[in-house]
Amino acid sequence: MNITSVSTFVFVCLLLLIWLLPETQEVAEVKPTEGSVNRDAVLARVATEKRLSLIKAWEESEKSKAENKAHKKLSSVSAWENSKKAAVEADLKKIEEELEKKKAEAAEKIKNKIAAIHKEAEERRAIIEAKKGEDLLKAEEQAAKYRATGTAPKKLLGCF
């Protein structure tokens, strides 16, 4: 049973009680000796009280319906808000994960570039060392040739 059907049931029960109780109570209070004029006044007052009670019960029922309706709509807005927040937070987490992935990829590229630079530097060092070894060997061979022939080099250290 939902809130609306319960409040409608309560309203109907209140109406029946209000409709039945004031007549029985007021009729019991009427003294038979007072006459028909007094009886008519009492009956009019009973009818007025009954009408006012019905109006008050209707008003309370309508207020209850309005409160239930507002509560339902507020709950719906809260659910909407929570779902939208969850979706945005999921988007944020996805973006953060993508950024972390891009950061890791960029770091890997930088490390690879550093490794390539280091490799090229080692190759250049090796070429220089090999050239140095060749030049030293060539100088030793030239010196041995000059010693064997007894001649002096034409260029002496290149600074004279």
C-alpha atoms as a PDB file:
ATOM      1  CA  MET A   1       0.000   0.000   0.000  1.00  0.00           C
ATOM      2  CA  ASN A   2       1.419   3.379  -0.886  1.00  0.00           C
ATOM      3  CA  ILE A   3       1.142   6.619   1.103  1.00  0.00           C
ATOM      4  CA  THR A   4      -1.623   8.078  -1.073  1.00  0.00           C
ATOM      5  CA  SER A   5      -3.941   5.083  -0.686  1.00  0.00           C
ATOM      6  CA  VAL A   6      -3.303   4.996   3.083  1.00  0.00           C
ATOM      7  CA  SER A   7      -4.065   8.704   3.439  1.00  0.00           C
ATOM      8  CA  THR A   8      -7.233   8.295   1.331  1.00  0.00           C
ATOM      9  CA  PHE A   9      -8.335   5.375   3.513  1.00  0.00           C
ATOM     10  CA  VAL A  10      -7.693   7.372   6.690  1.00  0.00           C
ATOM     11  CA  PHE A  11      -9.609  10.310   5.221  1.00  0.00           C
ATOM     12  CA  VAL A  12     -12.632   8.159   4.416  1.00  0.00           C
ATOM     13  CA  CYS A  13     -12.559   6.625   7.892  1.00  0.00           C
ATOM     14  CA  LEU A  14     -12.383  10.065   9.491  1.00  0.00           C
ATOM     15  CA  LEU A  15     -15.295  11.269   7.401  1.00  0.00           C
ATOM     16  CA  LEU A  16     -17.426   8.298   8.470  1.00  0.00           C
ATOM     17  CA  LEU A  17     -16.556   8.800  12.119  1.00  0.00           C
ATOM     18  CA  ILE A  18     -17.216  12.531  11.954  1.00  0.00           C
ATOM     19  CA  TRP A  19     -20.460  11.947  10.119  1.00  0.00           C
ATOM     20  CA  LEU A  20     -21.735   9.423  12.631  1.00  0.00           C
ATOM     21  CA  LEU A  21     -20.337  10.558  15.991  1.00  0.00           C
ATOM     22  CA  PRO A  22     -21.481  14.192  16.222  1.00  0.00           C
ATOM     23  CA  GLU A  23     -25.120  13.241  15.526  1.00  0.00           C
ATOM     24  CA  THR A  24     -25.223  10.523  18.152  1.00  0.00           C
ATOM     25  CA  GLN A  25     -23.517  12.656  20.773  1.00  0.00           C
ATOM     26  CA  GLU A  26     -25.542  15.791  20.131  1.00  0.00           C
ATOM     27  CA  VAL A  27     -28.832  13.950  19.916  1.00  0.00           C
ATOM     28  CA  ALA A  28     -28.119  12.311  23.235  1.00  0.00           C
ATOM     29  CA  GLU A  29     -27.461  15.717  24.799  1.00  0.00           C
ATOM     30  CA  VAL A  30     -30.753  17.224  23.625  1.00  0.00           C
ATOM     31  CA  LYS A  31     -33.308  17.308  26.402  1.00  0.00           C
ATOM     32  CA  PRO A  32     -36.795  16.246  25.383  1.00  0.00           C
ATOM     33  CA  THR A  33     -38.391  19.032  27.418  1.00  0.00           C
ATOM     34  CA  GLU A  34     -36.828  21.913  25.482  1.00  0.00           C
ATOM     35  CA  GLY A  35     -39.128  21.688  22.488  1.00  0.00           C
ATOM     36  CA  SER A  36     -38.783  21.683  18.736  1.00  0.00           C
ATOM     37  CA  VAL A  37     -37.248  25.177  18.406  1.00  0.00           C
ATOM     38  CA  ASN A  38     -34.331  24.207  20.574  1.00  0.00           C
ATOM     39  CA  ARG A  39     -34.099  20.894  18.732  1.00  0.00           C
ATOM     40  CA  ASP A  40     -33.866  22.679  15.370  1.00  0.00           C
ATOM     41  CA  ALA A  41     -31.115  24.945  16.685  1.00  0.00           C
ATOM     42  CA  VAL A  42     -29.182  21.969  18.032  1.00  0.00           C
ATOM     43  CA  LEU A  43     -29.602  20.107  14.737  1.00  0.00           C
ATOM     44  CA  ALA A  44     -28.414  23.183  12.804  1.00  0.00           C
ATOM     45  CA  ARG A  45     -25.409  23.463  15.084  1.00  0.00           C
ATOM     46  CA  VAL A  46     -24.688  19.744  14.628  1.00  0.00           C
ATOM     47  CA  ALA A  47     -24.933  20.115  10.850  1.00  0.00           C
ATOM     48  CA  THR A  48     -22.575  23.137  10.952  1.00  0.00           C
ATOM     49  CA  GLU A  49     -20.074  21.294  13.134  1.00  0.00           C
ATOM     50  CA  LYS A  50     -20.293  18.279  10.836  1.00  0.00           C
ATOM     51  CA  ARG A  51     -19.627  20.478   7.769  1.00  0.00           C
ATOM     52  CA  LEU A  52     -16.709  22.204   9.506  1.00  0.00           C
ATOM     53  CA  SER A  53     -15.269  18.828  10.545  1.00  0.00           C
ATOM     54  CA  LEU A  54     -15.570  17.554   6.993  1.00  0.00           C
ATOM     55  CA  ILE A  55     -13.815  20.675   5.704  1.00  0.00           C
ATOM     56  CA  LYS A  56     -11.050  20.292   8.286  1.00  0.00           C
ATOM     57  CA  ALA A  57     -10.568  16.591   7.411  1.00  0.00           C
ATOM     58  CA  TRP A  58     -10.514  17.452   3.688  1.00  0.00           C
ATOM     59  CA  GLU A  59      -7.952  20.214   4.347  1.00  0.00           C
ATOM     60  CA  GLU A  60      -5.713  17.857   6.335  1.00  0.00           C
ATOM     61  CA  SER A  61      -6.004  15.220   3.634  1.00  0.00           C
ATOM     62  CA  GLU A  62      -5.062  17.719   0.903  1.00  0.00           C
ATOM     63  CA  LYS A  63      -2.128  18.993   2.970  1.00  0.00           C
ATOM     64  CA  SER A  64      -0.961  15.413   3.491  1.00  0.00           C
ATOM     65  CA  LYS A  65      -1.233  14.758  -0.256  1.00  0.00           C
ATOM     66  CA  ALA A  66       0.735  17.922  -1.013  1.00  0.00           C
ATOM     67  CA  GLU A  67       3.439  16.971   1.485  1.00  0.00           C
ATOM     68  CA  ASN A  68       3.674  13.432   0.087  1.00  0.00           C
ATOM     69  CA  LYS A  69       3.854  14.756  -3.469  1.00  0.00           C
ATOM     70  CA  ALA A  70       6.559  17.256  -2.541  1.00  0.00           C
ATOM     71  CA  HIS A  71       8.506  14.569  -0.664  1.00  0.00           C
ATOM     72  CA  LYS A  72       8.312  12.263  -3.676  1.00  0.00           C
ATOM     73  CA  LYS A  73       9.527  15.013  -6.019  1.00  0.00           C
ATOM     74  CA  LEU A  74      12.336  15.980  -3.622  1.00  0.00           C
ATOM     75  CA  SER A  75      13.424  12.339  -3.467  1.00  0.00           C
ATOM     76  CA  SER A  76      13.364  12.205  -7.239  1.00  0.00           C
ATOM     77  CA  VAL A  77      15.522  15.344  -7.464  1.00  0.00           C
ATOM     78  CA  SER A  78      17.973  13.898  -4.939  1.00  0.00           C
ATOM     79  CA  ALA A  79      18.204  10.663  -6.920  1.00  0.00           C
ATOM     80  CA  TRP A  80      18.759  12.640 -10.126  1.00  0.00           C
ATOM     81  CA  GLU A  81      21.454  14.734  -8.443  1.00  0.00           C
ATOM     82  CA  ASN A  82      23.223  11.653  -7.102  1.00  0.00           C
ATOM     83  CA  SER A  83      23.183   9.900 -10.466  1.00  0.00           C
ATOM     84  CA  LYS A  84      24.506  12.991 -12.257  1.00  0.00           C
ATOM     85  CA  LYS A  85      27.244  13.445  -9.629  1.00  0.00           C
ATOM     86  CA  ALA A  86      28.237   9.794  -9.990  1.00  0.00           C
ATOM     87  CA  ALA A  87      28.384  10.149 -13.786  1.00  0.00           C
ATOM     88  CA  VAL A  88      30.548  13.288 -13.567  1.00  0.00           C
ATOM     89  CA  GLU A  89      32.834  11.682 -10.993  1.00  0.00           C
ATOM     90  CA  ALA A  90      33.176   8.633 -13.260  1.00  0.00           C
ATOM     91  CA  ASP A  91      34.082  10.959 -16.146  1.00  0.00           C
ATOM     92  CA  LEU A  92      36.645  12.699 -13.932  1.00  0.00           C
ATOM     93  CA  LYS A  93      38.168   9.363 -12.914  1.00  0.00           C
ATOM     94  CA  LYS A  94      38.318   8.282 -16.561  1.00  0.00           C
ATOM     95  CA  ILE A  95      40.066  11.532 -17.532  1.00  0.00           C
ATOM     96  CA  GLU A  96      42.517  11.149 -14.644  1.00  0.00           C
ATOM     97  CA  GLU A  97      43.297   7.584 -15.750  1.00  0.00           C
ATOM     98  CA  GLU A  98      43.828   8.766 -19.345  1.00  0.00           C
ATOM     99  CA  LEU A  99      46.156  11.512 -18.113  1.00  0.00           C
ATOM    100  CA  GLU A 100      48.117   9.020 -16.013  1.00  0.00           C
ATOM    101  CA  LYS A 101      48.397   6.743 -19.056  1.00  0.00           C
ATOM    102  CA  LYS A 102      49.595   9.643 -21.245  1.00  0.00           C
ATOM    103  CA  LYS A 103      52.055  10.674 -18.526  1.00  0.00           C
ATOM    104  CA  ALA A 104      53.456   7.140 -18.371  1.00  0.00           C
ATOM    105  CA  GLU A 105      53.714   6.991 -22.178  1.00  0.00           C
ATOM    106  CA  ALA A 106      55.484  10.369 -22.282  1.00  0.00           C
ATOM    107  CA  ALA A 107      57.896   9.253 -19.543  1.00  0.00           C
ATOM    108  CA  GLU A 108      58.613   6.073 -21.506  1.00  0.00           C
ATOM    109  CA  LYS A 109      59.295   8.097 -24.672  1.00  0.00           C
ATOM    110  CA  ILE A 110      61.669  10.390 -22.755  1.00  0.00           C
ATOM    111  CA  LYS A 111      63.494   7.388 -21.284  1.00  0.00           C
ATOM    112  CA  ASN A 112      63.791   5.881 -24.767  1.00  0.00           C
ATOM    113  CA  LYS A 113      65.180   9.172 -26.137  1.00  0.00           C
ATOM    114  CA  ILE A 114      67.681   9.346 -23.286  1.00  0.00           C
ATOM    115  CA  ALA A 115      68.719   5.749 -23.977  1.00  0.00           C
ATOM    116  CA  ALA A 116      69.098   6.515 -27.709  1.00  0.00           C
ATOM    117  CA  ILE A 117      71.214   9.605 -26.934  1.00  0.00           C
ATOM    118  CA  HIS A 118      73.378   7.570 -24.547  1.00  0.00           C
ATOM    119  CA  LYS A 119      73.791   4.832 -27.176  1.00  0.00           C
ATOM    120  CA  GLU A 120      74.787   7.374 -29.850  1.00  0.00           C
ATOM    121  CA  ALA A 121      77.251   9.010 -27.433  1.00  0.00           C
ATOM    122  CA  GLU A 122      78.806   5.608 -26.704  1.00  0.00           C
ATOM    123  CA  GLU A 123      79.055   4.923 -30.443  1.00  0.00           C
ATOM    124  CA  ARG A 124      80.725   8.315 -30.998  1.00  0.00           C
ATOM    125  CA  ARG A 125      83.135   7.614 -28.129  1.00  0.00           C
ATOM    126  CA  ALA A 126      83.940   4.235 -29.616  1.00  0.00           C
ATOM    127  CA  ILE A 127      84.567   5.816 -33.054  1.00  0.00           C
ATOM    128  CA  ILE A 128      86.801   8.455 -31.473  1.00  0.00           C
ATOM    129  CA  GLU A 129      88.712   5.803 -29.493  1.00  0.00           C
ATOM    130  CA  ALA A 130      89.080   3.682 -32.643  1.00  0.00           C
ATOM    131  CA  LYS A 131      90.310   6.710 -34.630  1.00  0.00           C
ATOM    132  CA  LYS A 132      92.702   7.524 -31.790  1.00  0.00           C
ATOM    133  CA  GLY A 133      94.015   3.962 -31.881  1.00  0.00           C
ATOM    134  CA  GLU A 134      94.430   4.155 -35.669  1.00  0.00           C
ATOM    135  CA  ASP A 135      96.185   7.508 -35.417  1.00  0.00           C
ATOM    136  CA  LEU A 136      98.511   6.204 -32.684  1.00  0.00           C
ATOM    137  CA  LEU A 137      99.286   3.104 -34.730  1.00  0.00           C
ATOM    138  CA  LYS A 138      99.875   5.242 -37.829  1.00  0.00           C
ATOM    139  CA  ALA A 139     102.193   7.535 -35.840  1.00  0.00           C
ATOM    140  CA  GLU A 140     104.122   4.524 -34.500  1.00  0.00           C
ATOM    141  CA  GLU A 141     104.398   3.060 -38.004  1.00  0.00           C
ATOM    142  CA  GLN A 142     105.595   6.412 -39.402  1.00  0.00           C
ATOM    143  CA  ALA A 143     108.103   6.745 -36.556  1.00  0.00           C
ATOM    144  CA  ALA A 144     109.360   3.214 -37.214  1.00  0.00           C
ATOM    145  CA  LYS A 145     109.667   4.023 -40.936  1.00  0.00           C
ATOM    146  CA  TYR A 146     111.591   7.227 -40.193  1.00  0.00           C
ATOM    147  CA  ARG A 147     113.837   5.329 -37.803  1.00  0.00           C
ATOM    148  CA  ALA A 148     114.392   2.592 -40.356  1.00  0.00           C
ATOM    149  CA  THR A 149     115.201   5.018 -43.147  1.00  0.00           C
ATOM    150  CA  GLY A 150     116.992   7.495 -40.935  1.00  0.00           C
ATOM    151  CA  THR A 151     115.043  10.427 -42.268  1.00  0.00           C
ATOM    152  CA  ALA A 152     113.262  13.117 -40.295  1.00  0.00           C
ATOM    153  CA  PRO A 153     109.597  13.997 -40.731  1.00  0.00           C
ATOM    154  CA  LYS A 154     108.902  16.981 -42.927  1.00  0.00           C
ATOM    155  CA  LYS A 155     106.444  18.527 -40.534  1.00  0.00           C
ATOM    156  CA  LEU A 156     107.628  18.690 -36.985  1.00  0.00           C
ATOM    157  CA  LEU A 157     104.670  18.841 -34.566  1.00  0.00           C
ATOM    158  CA  GLY A 158     102.935  21.266 -36.900  1.00  0.00           C
ATOM    159  CA  CYS A 159     103.793  24.321 -34.819  1.00  0.00           C
ATOM    160  CA  PHE A 160     107.136  25.411 -36.380  1.00  0.00           C
END
